[in-house]
Amino acid sequence: IVIARPDTNKIVLTAMLSAIACVVMLLVRINF
């Protein structure tokens, strides 16, 4: 049985970009 290994780079990159998205979401909030 071969278990596919997750792509660590993609997981880390997704987490990093999610963190950036959270920061900009919290800092920039405008009602126009």
PDB file of all heavy atoms in Angstrom:
ATOM      1  N   ILE A   1       0.852  -1.190   0.000  1.00  0.00           N
ATOM      2  CA  ILE A   1       0.000   0.000   0.000  1.00  0.00           C
ATOM      3  C   ILE A   1       0.887   1.239   0.000  1.00  0.00           C
ATOM      4  O   ILE A   1       1.740   1.409   0.869  1.00  0.00           O
ATOM      5  CB  ILE A   1      -0.929   0.028   1.237  1.00  0.00           C
ATOM      6  CG1 ILE A   1      -1.838  -1.203   1.216  1.00  0.00           C
ATOM      7  CG2 ILE A   1      -1.757   1.303   1.264  1.00  0.00           C
ATOM      8  CD1 ILE A   1      -2.670  -1.359   2.465  1.00  0.00           C
ATOM      9  N   VAL A   2       0.669   2.066  -1.006  1.00  0.00           N
ATOM     10  CA  VAL A   2       1.461   3.293  -1.113  1.00  0.00           C
ATOM     11  C   VAL A   2       0.588   4.476  -0.724  1.00  0.00           C
ATOM     12  O   VAL A   2      -0.465   4.703  -1.311  1.00  0.00           O
ATOM     13  CB  VAL A   2       1.985   3.494  -2.558  1.00  0.00           C
ATOM     14  CG1 VAL A   2       2.789   4.794  -2.645  1.00  0.00           C
ATOM     15  CG2 VAL A   2       2.830   2.305  -2.978  1.00  0.00           C
ATOM     16  N   ILE A   3       1.028   5.199   0.293  1.00  0.00           N
ATOM     17  CA  ILE A   3       0.290   6.377   0.746  1.00  0.00           C
ATOM     18  C   ILE A   3       0.931   7.619   0.149  1.00  0.00           C
ATOM     19  O   ILE A   3       2.130   7.851   0.311  1.00  0.00           O
ATOM     20  CB  ILE A   3       0.295   6.480   2.287  1.00  0.00           C
ATOM     21  CG1 ILE A   3      -0.354   5.228   2.882  1.00  0.00           C
ATOM     22  CG2 ILE A   3      -0.434   7.735   2.756  1.00  0.00           C
ATOM     23  CD1 ILE A   3      -0.267   5.145   4.384  1.00  0.00           C
ATOM     24  N   ALA A   4       0.120   8.381  -0.583  1.00  0.00           N
ATOM     25  CA  ALA A   4       0.648   9.588  -1.220  1.00  0.00           C
ATOM     26  C   ALA A   4       1.065  10.608  -0.165  1.00  0.00           C
ATOM     27  O   ALA A   4       0.327  10.874   0.771  1.00  0.00           O
ATOM     28  CB  ALA A   4      -0.413  10.197  -2.141  1.00  0.00           C
ATOM     29  N   ARG A   5       2.261  11.126  -0.317  1.00  0.00           N
ATOM     30  CA  ARG A   5       2.762  12.118   0.638  1.00  0.00           C
ATOM     31  C   ARG A   5       2.255  13.501   0.243  1.00  0.00           C
ATOM     32  O   ARG A   5       2.245  13.854  -0.926  1.00  0.00           O
ATOM     33  CB  ARG A   5       4.286  12.110   0.641  1.00  0.00           C
ATOM     34  CG  ARG A   5       4.873  10.821   1.152  1.00  0.00           C
ATOM     35  CD  ARG A   5       6.377  10.841   1.067  1.00  0.00           C
ATOM     36  NE  ARG A   5       6.937  11.877   1.920  1.00  0.00           N
ATOM     37  CZ  ARG A   5       8.216  12.211   1.921  1.00  0.00           C
ATOM     38  NH1 ARG A   5       9.063  11.603   1.119  1.00  0.00           N
ATOM     39  NH2 ARG A   5       8.653  13.163   2.723  1.00  0.00           N
ATOM     40  N   PRO A   6       1.813  14.286   1.207  1.00  0.00           N
ATOM     41  CA  PRO A   6       1.352  15.625   0.879  1.00  0.00           C
ATOM     42  C   PRO A   6       2.502  16.498   0.400  1.00  0.00           C
ATOM     43  O   PRO A   6       3.650  16.301   0.802  1.00  0.00           O
ATOM     44  CB  PRO A   6       0.785  16.143   2.211  1.00  0.00           C
ATOM     45  CG  PRO A   6       1.490  15.343   3.251  1.00  0.00           C
ATOM     46  CD  PRO A   6       1.753  13.998   2.643  1.00  0.00           C
ATOM     47  N   ASP A   7       2.227  17.435  -0.456  1.00  0.00           N
ATOM     48  CA  ASP A   7       3.234  18.366  -0.938  1.00  0.00           C
ATOM     49  C   ASP A   7       3.467  19.412   0.149  1.00  0.00           C
ATOM     50  O   ASP A   7       2.670  20.329   0.332  1.00  0.00           O
ATOM     51  CB  ASP A   7       2.740  19.022  -2.241  1.00  0.00           C
ATOM     52  CG  ASP A   7       3.846  19.799  -2.925  1.00  0.00           C
ATOM     53  OD1 ASP A   7       4.656  20.412  -2.208  1.00  0.00           O
ATOM     54  OD2 ASP A   7       3.894  19.795  -4.160  1.00  0.00           O
ATOM     55  N   THR A   8       4.561  19.239   0.874  1.00  0.00           N
ATOM     56  CA  THR A   8       4.837  20.113   2.019  1.00  0.00           C
ATOM     57  C   THR A   8       4.951  21.569   1.603  1.00  0.00           C
ATOM     58  O   THR A   8       4.457  22.464   2.299  1.00  0.00           O
ATOM     59  CB  THR A   8       6.142  19.667   2.718  1.00  0.00           C
ATOM     60  OG1 THR A   8       6.041  18.284   3.029  1.00  0.00           O
ATOM     61  CG2 THR A   8       6.375  20.468   3.984  1.00  0.00           C
ATOM     62  N   ASN A   9       5.614  21.810   0.476  1.00  0.00           N
ATOM     63  CA  ASN A   9       5.777  23.180   0.004  1.00  0.00           C
ATOM     64  C   ASN A   9       4.433  23.864  -0.195  1.00  0.00           C
ATOM     65  O   ASN A   9       4.238  25.025   0.181  1.00  0.00           O
ATOM     66  CB  ASN A   9       6.562  23.212  -1.311  1.00  0.00           C
ATOM     67  CG  ASN A   9       8.060  23.168  -1.086  1.00  0.00           C
ATOM     68  OD1 ASN A   9       8.519  23.133   0.054  1.00  0.00           O
ATOM     69  ND2 ASN A   9       8.817  23.144  -2.157  1.00  0.00           N
ATOM     70  N   LYS A  10       3.495  23.147  -0.795  1.00  0.00           N
ATOM     71  CA  LYS A  10       2.181  23.738  -1.074  1.00  0.00           C
ATOM     72  C   LYS A  10       1.399  23.984   0.216  1.00  0.00           C
ATOM     73  O   LYS A  10       0.690  24.987   0.333  1.00  0.00           O
ATOM     74  CB  LYS A  10       1.381  22.829  -2.015  1.00  0.00           C
ATOM     75  CG  LYS A  10       1.900  22.849  -3.440  1.00  0.00           C
ATOM     76  CD  LYS A  10       1.044  21.989  -4.341  1.00  0.00           C
ATOM     77  CE  LYS A  10       1.596  21.986  -5.757  1.00  0.00           C
ATOM     78  NZ  LYS A  10       0.809  21.115  -6.656  1.00  0.00           N
ATOM     79  N   ILE A  11       1.521  23.067   1.173  1.00  0.00           N
ATOM     80  CA  ILE A  11       0.837  23.244   2.459  1.00  0.00           C
ATOM     81  C   ILE A  11       1.385  24.469   3.184  1.00  0.00           C
ATOM     82  O   ILE A  11       0.630  25.306   3.683  1.00  0.00           O
ATOM     83  CB  ILE A  11       0.988  21.982   3.331  1.00  0.00           C
ATOM     84  CG1 ILE A  11       0.244  20.804   2.699  1.00  0.00           C
ATOM     85  CG2 ILE A  11       0.465  22.239   4.741  1.00  0.00           C
ATOM     86  CD1 ILE A  11       0.501  19.471   3.368  1.00  0.00           C
ATOM     87  N   VAL A  12       2.715  24.574   3.215  1.00  0.00           N
ATOM     88  CA  VAL A  12       3.357  25.717   3.883  1.00  0.00           C
ATOM     89  C   VAL A  12       2.980  27.021   3.183  1.00  0.00           C
ATOM     90  O   VAL A  12       2.667  28.031   3.830  1.00  0.00           O
ATOM     91  CB  VAL A  12       4.885  25.540   3.919  1.00  0.00           C
ATOM     92  CG1 VAL A  12       5.576  26.813   4.401  1.00  0.00           C
ATOM     93  CG2 VAL A  12       5.265  24.359   4.812  1.00  0.00           C
ATOM     94  N   LEU A  13       3.008  26.997   1.850  1.00  0.00           N
ATOM     95  CA  LEU A  13       2.686  28.196   1.074  1.00  0.00           C
ATOM     96  C   LEU A  13       1.231  28.607   1.276  1.00  0.00           C
ATOM     97  O   LEU A  13       0.920  29.801   1.422  1.00  0.00           O
ATOM     98  CB  LEU A  13       2.962  27.932  -0.404  1.00  0.00           C
ATOM     99  CG  LEU A  13       3.071  29.134  -1.337  1.00  0.00           C
ATOM    100  CD1 LEU A  13       4.038  30.176  -0.816  1.00  0.00           C
ATOM    101  CD2 LEU A  13       3.472  28.668  -2.736  1.00  0.00           C
ATOM    102  N   THR A  14       0.331  27.626   1.312  1.00  0.00           N
ATOM    103  CA  THR A  14      -1.082  27.918   1.562  1.00  0.00           C
ATOM    104  C   THR A  14      -1.270  28.535   2.942  1.00  0.00           C
ATOM    105  O   THR A  14      -2.011  29.512   3.109  1.00  0.00           O
ATOM    106  CB  THR A  14      -1.938  26.632   1.444  1.00  0.00           C
ATOM    107  OG1 THR A  14      -1.793  26.092   0.131  1.00  0.00           O
ATOM    108  CG2 THR A  14      -3.406  26.923   1.697  1.00  0.00           C
ATOM    109  N   ALA A  15      -0.593  27.976   3.935  1.00  0.00           N
ATOM    110  CA  ALA A  15      -0.679  28.515   5.297  1.00  0.00           C
ATOM    111  C   ALA A  15      -0.120  29.934   5.364  1.00  0.00           C
ATOM    112  O   ALA A  15      -0.703  30.816   6.006  1.00  0.00           O
ATOM    113  CB  ALA A  15       0.069  27.602   6.266  1.00  0.00           C
ATOM    114  N   MET A  16       1.007  30.158   4.683  1.00  0.00           N
ATOM    115  CA  MET A  16       1.636  31.475   4.709  1.00  0.00           C
ATOM    116  C   MET A  16       0.730  32.524   4.054  1.00  0.00           C
ATOM    117  O   MET A  16       0.509  33.606   4.607  1.00  0.00           O
ATOM    118  CB  MET A  16       2.975  31.424   3.976  1.00  0.00           C
ATOM    119  CG  MET A  16       3.736  32.744   3.963  1.00  0.00           C
ATOM    120  SD  MET A  16       5.235  32.673   2.946  1.00  0.00           S
ATOM    121  CE  MET A  16       4.494  32.767   1.300  1.00  0.00           C
ATOM    122  N   LEU A  17       0.180  32.192   2.879  1.00  0.00           N
ATOM    123  CA  LEU A  17      -0.698  33.133   2.184  1.00  0.00           C
ATOM    124  C   LEU A  17      -2.000  33.353   2.958  1.00  0.00           C
ATOM    125  O   LEU A  17      -2.546  34.462   2.960  1.00  0.00           O
ATOM    126  CB  LEU A  17      -0.989  32.635   0.765  1.00  0.00           C
ATOM    127  CG  LEU A  17       0.197  32.676  -0.209  1.00  0.00           C
ATOM    128  CD1 LEU A  17      -0.158  31.986  -1.525  1.00  0.00           C
ATOM    129  CD2 LEU A  17       0.647  34.106  -0.473  1.00  0.00           C
ATOM    130  N   SER A  18      -2.490  32.307   3.620  1.00  0.00           N
ATOM    131  CA  SER A  18      -3.692  32.459   4.457  1.00  0.00           C
ATOM    132  C   SER A  18      -3.429  33.438   5.594  1.00  0.00           C
ATOM    133  O   SER A  18      -4.285  34.273   5.929  1.00  0.00           O
ATOM    134  CB  SER A  18      -4.116  31.102   5.032  1.00  0.00           C
ATOM    135  OG  SER A  18      -4.492  30.216   4.013  1.00  0.00           O
ATOM    136  N   ALA A  19      -2.241  33.339   6.198  1.00  0.00           N
ATOM    137  CA  ALA A  19      -1.882  34.258   7.284  1.00  0.00           C
ATOM    138  C   ALA A  19      -1.815  35.698   6.785  1.00  0.00           C
ATOM    139  O   ALA A  19      -2.300  36.627   7.442  1.00  0.00           O
ATOM    140  CB  ALA A  19      -0.541  33.848   7.888  1.00  0.00           C
ATOM    141  N   ILE A  20      -1.230  35.884   5.590  1.00  0.00           N
ATOM    142  CA  ILE A  20      -1.155  37.233   5.006  1.00  0.00           C
ATOM    143  C   ILE A  20      -2.557  37.762   4.730  1.00  0.00           C
ATOM    144  O   ILE A  20      -2.872  38.930   5.015  1.00  0.00           O
ATOM    145  CB  ILE A  20      -0.314  37.220   3.717  1.00  0.00           C
ATOM    146  CG1 ILE A  20       1.139  36.867   4.032  1.00  0.00           C
ATOM    147  CG2 ILE A  20      -0.390  38.579   3.013  1.00  0.00           C
ATOM    148  CD1 ILE A  20       1.988  36.617   2.804  1.00  0.00           C
ATOM    149  N   ALA A  21      -3.419  36.898   4.174  1.00  0.00           N
ATOM    150  CA  ALA A  21      -4.801  37.307   3.882  1.00  0.00           C
ATOM    151  C   ALA A  21      -5.540  37.697   5.162  1.00  0.00           C
ATOM    152  O   ALA A  21      -6.322  38.656   5.166  1.00  0.00           O
ATOM    153  CB  ALA A  21      -5.538  36.180   3.161  1.00  0.00           C
ATOM    154  N   CYS A  22      -5.300  36.966   6.239  1.00  0.00           N
ATOM    155  CA  CYS A  22      -5.929  37.301   7.529  1.00  0.00           C
ATOM    156  C   CYS A  22      -5.467  38.665   8.021  1.00  0.00           C
ATOM    157  O   CYS A  22      -6.277  39.468   8.514  1.00  0.00           O
ATOM    158  CB  CYS A  22      -5.598  36.237   8.571  1.00  0.00           C
ATOM    159  SG  CYS A  22      -6.457  34.663   8.327  1.00  0.00           S
ATOM    160  N   VAL A  23      -4.179  38.937   7.884  1.00  0.00           N
ATOM    161  CA  VAL A  23      -3.632  40.218   8.354  1.00  0.00           C
ATOM    162  C   VAL A  23      -4.241  41.380   7.583  1.00  0.00           C
ATOM    163  O   VAL A  23      -4.699  42.363   8.180  1.00  0.00           O
ATOM    164  CB  VAL A  23      -2.089  40.225   8.235  1.00  0.00           C
ATOM    165  CG1 VAL A  23      -1.541  41.633   8.481  1.00  0.00           C
ATOM    166  CG2 VAL A  23      -1.466  39.244   9.218  1.00  0.00           C
ATOM    167  N   VAL A  24      -4.273  41.282   6.236  1.00  0.00           N
ATOM    168  CA  VAL A  24      -4.817  42.399   5.445  1.00  0.00           C
ATOM    169  C   VAL A  24      -6.322  42.548   5.683  1.00  0.00           C
ATOM    170  O   VAL A  24      -6.857  43.660   5.674  1.00  0.00           O
ATOM    171  CB  VAL A  24      -4.509  42.253   3.940  1.00  0.00           C
ATOM    172  CG1 VAL A  24      -3.015  42.250   3.695  1.00  0.00           C
ATOM    173  CG2 VAL A  24      -5.164  41.012   3.332  1.00  0.00           C
ATOM    174  N   MET A  25      -7.002  41.423   5.940  1.00  0.00           N
ATOM    175  CA  MET A  25      -8.433  41.481   6.240  1.00  0.00           C
ATOM    176  C   MET A  25      -8.690  42.210   7.554  1.00  0.00           C
ATOM    177  O   MET A  25      -9.642  42.992   7.684  1.00  0.00           O
ATOM    178  CB  MET A  25      -9.000  40.056   6.294  1.00  0.00           C
ATOM    179  CG  MET A  25     -10.462  39.941   6.689  1.00  0.00           C
ATOM    180  SD  MET A  25     -10.706  39.802   8.496  1.00  0.00           S
ATOM    181  CE  MET A  25      -9.911  38.241   8.843  1.00  0.00           C
ATOM    182  N   LEU A  26      -7.838  41.982   8.534  1.00  0.00           N
ATOM    183  CA  LEU A  26      -8.000  42.619   9.846  1.00  0.00           C
ATOM    184  C   LEU A  26      -7.593  44.094   9.828  1.00  0.00           C
ATOM    185  O   LEU A  26      -8.190  44.919  10.518  1.00  0.00           O
ATOM    186  CB  LEU A  26      -7.172  41.872  10.890  1.00  0.00           C
ATOM    187  CG  LEU A  26      -7.643  40.454  11.246  1.00  0.00           C
ATOM    188  CD1 LEU A  26      -6.601  39.739  12.077  1.00  0.00           C
ATOM    189  CD2 LEU A  26      -8.978  40.478  11.972  1.00  0.00           C
ATOM    190  N   LEU A  27      -6.589  44.434   9.023  1.00  0.00           N
ATOM    191  CA  LEU A  27      -6.054  45.798   9.025  1.00  0.00           C
ATOM    192  C   LEU A  27      -6.805  46.760   8.106  1.00  0.00           C
ATOM    193  O   LEU A  27      -6.905  47.951   8.395  1.00  0.00           O
ATOM    194  CB  LEU A  27      -4.571  45.772   8.632  1.00  0.00           C
ATOM    195  CG  LEU A  27      -3.610  45.112   9.613  1.00  0.00           C
ATOM    196  CD1 LEU A  27      -2.185  45.160   9.079  1.00  0.00           C
ATOM    197  CD2 LEU A  27      -3.680  45.783  10.984  1.00  0.00           C
ATOM    198  N   VAL A  28      -7.308  46.252   6.983  1.00  0.00           N
ATOM    199  CA  VAL A  28      -7.956  47.126   5.994  1.00  0.00           C
ATOM    200  C   VAL A  28      -9.433  46.754   5.880  1.00  0.00           C
ATOM    201  O   VAL A  28      -9.789  45.736   5.296  1.00  0.00           O
ATOM    202  CB  VAL A  28      -7.278  47.001   4.610  1.00  0.00           C
ATOM    203  CG1 VAL A  28      -7.928  47.967   3.621  1.00  0.00           C
ATOM    204  CG2 VAL A  28      -5.788  47.255   4.717  1.00  0.00           C
ATOM    205  N   ARG A  29     -10.279  47.585   6.451  1.00  0.00           N
ATOM    206  CA  ARG A  29     -11.726  47.365   6.402  1.00  0.00           C
ATOM    207  C   ARG A  29     -12.387  48.714   6.149  1.00  0.00           C
ATOM    208  O   ARG A  29     -12.314  49.615   6.982  1.00  0.00           O
ATOM    209  CB  ARG A  29     -12.229  46.729   7.702  1.00  0.00           C
ATOM    210  CG  ARG A  29     -11.603  45.369   7.978  1.00  0.00           C
ATOM    211  CD  ARG A  29     -12.179  44.699   9.204  1.00  0.00           C
ATOM    212  NE  ARG A  29     -13.572  44.340   9.051  1.00  0.00           N
ATOM    213  CZ  ARG A  29     -14.009  43.268   8.385  1.00  0.00           C
ATOM    214  NH1 ARG A  29     -13.148  42.454   7.800  1.00  0.00           N
ATOM    215  NH2 ARG A  29     -15.291  43.008   8.299  1.00  0.00           N
ATOM    216  N   ILE A  30     -12.996  48.851   4.976  1.00  0.00           N
ATOM    217  CA  ILE A  30     -13.539  50.143   4.535  1.00  0.00           C
ATOM    218  C   ILE A  30     -14.993  49.971   4.105  1.00  0.00           C
ATOM    219  O   ILE A  30     -15.318  49.055   3.347  1.00  0.00           O
ATOM    220  CB  ILE A  30     -12.725  50.712   3.350  1.00  0.00           C
ATOM    221  CG1 ILE A  30     -11.241  50.851   3.733  1.00  0.00           C
ATOM    222  CG2 ILE A  30     -13.289  52.047   2.895  1.00  0.00           C
ATOM    223  CD1 ILE A  30     -10.334  51.119   2.554  1.00  0.00           C
ATOM    224  N   ASN A  31     -15.844  50.867   4.583  1.00  0.00           N
ATOM    225  CA  ASN A  31     -17.230  50.907   4.097  1.00  0.00           C
ATOM    226  C   ASN A  31     -17.376  52.127   3.199  1.00  0.00           C
ATOM    227  O   ASN A  31     -17.199  53.251   3.639  1.00  0.00           O
ATOM    228  CB  ASN A  31     -18.218  50.995   5.261  1.00  0.00           C
ATOM    229  CG  ASN A  31     -19.637  51.269   4.766  1.00  0.00           C
ATOM    230  OD1 ASN A  31     -20.121  52.390   4.860  1.00  0.00           O
ATOM    231  ND2 ASN A  31     -20.268  50.259   4.218  1.00  0.00           N
ATOM    232  N   PHE A  32     -17.649  51.887   1.913  1.00  0.00           N
ATOM    233  CA  PHE A  32     -17.846  53.003   0.990  1.00  0.00           C
ATOM    234  C   PHE A  32     -19.262  53.019   0.417  1.00  0.00           C
ATOM    235  O   PHE A  32     -19.538  53.681  -0.565  1.00  0.00           O
ATOM    236  CB  PHE A  32     -16.803  52.980  -0.149  1.00  0.00           C
ATOM    237  CG  PHE A  32     -16.736  51.676  -0.917  1.00  0.00           C
ATOM    238  CD1 PHE A  32     -17.625  51.402  -1.941  1.00  0.00           C
ATOM    239  CD2 PHE A  32     -15.758  50.748  -0.612  1.00  0.00           C
ATOM    240  CE1 PHE A  32     -17.562  50.216  -2.645  1.00  0.00           C
ATOM    241  CE2 PHE A  32     -15.681  49.549  -1.314  1.00  0.00           C
ATOM    242  CZ  PHE A  32     -16.588  49.284  -2.341  1.00  0.00           C
TER     243      PHE A  32
END
